[in-house]
Amino acid sequence: MLAQKKRLKKADFEPIFKKGSKKFSNFFNLRFLANQSGYCRFAVIVSNKISKKSTERNKIKRQIREILKENLSNFKQNNDIIITVLAPVKGSDFQDIKDNFVNLAKKSGLL
């Protein structure tokens, strides 16, 4: 679990969706915006369209958060990041998800 200060609240979503930058891959949509807090904050969104079962959605969220924890020190500071998961993640293994996320974060300049 990420520390409370490293998590975005729903009230913080609107400016990121309106003003933030977007990057896409096969597995993820990344939206990010600079913040004034001095550290990165994250949110992971897994829709009911991915799976109707909450256990499967929560497993995907746990995997994404684990990837975030492993790379937390590598992120450039002062960004709010919303990670929206797309359907192809459901059938993929952890290493594929990790590689795809790290590549997307590097392309977007977050890592």
Protein backbone atom coordinates (compact mmCIF):
# COMPACT_ATOMS: atom_id res chain seq x y z
CA MET A 1 0.00 0.00 0.00
CA LEU A 2 1.26 3.45 -0.84
CA ALA A 3 1.59 5.99 1.95
CA GLN A 4 -1.45 8.24 2.40
CA LYS A 5 0.39 11.33 1.21
CA LYS A 6 1.40 9.51 -2.02
CA ARG A 7 -2.26 8.86 -3.00
CA LEU A 8 -4.55 11.14 -4.95
CA LYS A 9 -8.04 11.91 -3.70
CA LYS A 10 -11.06 12.15 -6.00
CA ALA A 11 -11.13 15.93 -5.57
CA ASP A 12 -7.67 16.07 -7.20
CA PHE A 13 -8.78 14.22 -10.35
CA GLU A 14 -10.61 17.05 -12.15
CA PRO A 15 -7.62 19.36 -12.78
CA ILE A 16 -5.52 16.43 -13.98
CA PHE A 17 -8.19 15.31 -16.45
CA LYS A 18 -8.72 18.87 -17.71
CA LYS A 19 -5.17 20.28 -17.83
CA GLY A 20 -2.87 17.26 -17.62
CA SER A 21 -0.79 15.58 -20.28
CA LYS A 22 -1.73 12.17 -21.69
CA LYS A 23 0.29 9.16 -22.81
CA PHE A 24 -1.09 5.84 -23.99
CA SER A 25 0.09 2.27 -24.39
CA ASN A 26 -1.60 -1.09 -24.98
CA PHE A 27 -2.14 -1.59 -21.25
CA PHE A 28 -2.42 1.89 -19.73
CA ASN A 29 -3.51 5.48 -20.13
CA LEU A 30 -1.34 7.85 -18.11
CA ARG A 31 -2.49 11.35 -17.21
CA PHE A 32 -0.11 13.55 -15.30
CA LEU A 33 0.20 17.12 -14.12
CA ALA A 34 2.87 18.96 -12.14
CA ASN A 35 1.99 19.69 -8.51
CA GLN A 36 3.34 21.87 -5.71
CA SER A 37 3.61 19.17 -3.03
CA GLY A 38 7.27 18.22 -3.59
CA TYR A 39 6.53 14.52 -4.22
CA CYS A 40 4.60 12.34 -6.67
CA ARG A 41 1.03 11.28 -5.96
CA PHE A 42 -0.71 8.38 -7.70
CA ALA A 43 -4.15 6.94 -8.41
CA VAL A 44 -4.96 3.65 -10.14
CA ILE A 45 -8.29 3.24 -11.95
CA VAL A 46 -9.56 -0.20 -12.99
CA SER A 47 -13.01 -0.07 -14.55
CA ASN A 48 -15.83 -2.57 -14.28
CA LYS A 49 -15.36 -3.06 -18.02
CA ILE A 50 -12.07 -4.84 -17.26
CA SER A 51 -13.76 -7.35 -14.98
CA LYS A 52 -17.04 -7.54 -13.13
CA LYS A 53 -15.28 -9.35 -10.28
CA SER A 54 -13.82 -7.05 -7.66
CA THR A 55 -11.16 -9.61 -6.75
CA GLU A 56 -9.71 -9.47 -10.27
CA ARG A 57 -9.81 -5.66 -10.34
CA ASN A 58 -8.13 -5.46 -6.94
CA LYS A 59 -5.43 -7.93 -8.00
CA ILE A 60 -4.59 -5.68 -10.95
CA LYS A 61 -4.48 -2.64 -8.64
CA ARG A 62 -2.14 -4.46 -6.24
CA GLN A 63 0.18 -5.37 -9.11
CA ILE A 64 0.29 -1.75 -10.34
CA ARG A 65 0.96 -0.45 -6.83
CA GLU A 66 3.80 -2.95 -6.43
CA ILE A 67 5.35 -1.65 -9.65
CA LEU A 68 4.97 1.90 -8.33
CA LYS A 69 6.67 0.99 -5.04
CA GLU A 70 9.62 -0.59 -6.86
CA ASN A 71 10.11 2.52 -9.01
CA LEU A 72 9.05 5.21 -6.52
CA SER A 73 12.56 6.59 -6.05
CA ASN A 74 13.04 6.83 -9.83
CA PHE A 75 10.03 9.07 -10.48
CA LYS A 76 10.73 12.71 -11.12
CA GLN A 77 9.33 14.83 -8.34
CA ASN A 78 6.22 17.02 -8.32
CA ASN A 79 3.76 15.06 -10.46
CA ASP A 80 0.21 13.88 -9.92
CA ILE A 81 -0.29 10.70 -11.96
CA ILE A 82 -3.53 8.88 -12.78
CA ILE A 83 -3.08 5.39 -14.22
CA THR A 84 -6.11 4.04 -16.06
CA VAL A 85 -5.87 0.33 -16.81
CA LEU A 86 -7.07 -1.01 -20.18
CA ALA A 87 -8.55 -4.43 -21.00
CA PRO A 88 -5.43 -6.25 -22.33
CA VAL A 89 -3.92 -6.23 -18.81
CA LYS A 90 -6.40 -8.87 -17.68
CA GLY A 91 -4.76 -11.74 -19.58
CA SER A 92 -1.14 -10.63 -19.11
CA ASP A 93 1.45 -11.77 -16.61
CA PHE A 94 3.12 -9.46 -14.10
CA GLN A 95 6.41 -9.06 -15.97
CA ASP A 96 4.63 -7.91 -19.16
CA ILE A 97 2.60 -5.39 -17.17
CA LYS A 98 5.73 -4.13 -15.43
CA ASP A 99 7.72 -3.75 -18.65
CA ASN A 100 4.86 -1.96 -20.38
CA PHE A 101 4.37 0.48 -17.50
CA VAL A 102 8.08 1.29 -17.11
CA ASN A 103 8.42 1.88 -20.88
CA LEU A 104 5.38 4.16 -20.91
CA ALA A 105 6.64 6.12 -17.89
CA LYS A 106 10.04 6.59 -19.55
CA LYS A 107 8.44 7.76 -22.81
CA SER A 108 6.34 10.29 -20.94
CA GLY A 109 9.35 11.63 -19.04
CA LEU A 110 8.17 10.52 -15.60
CA LEU A 111 11.09 8.15 -15.00
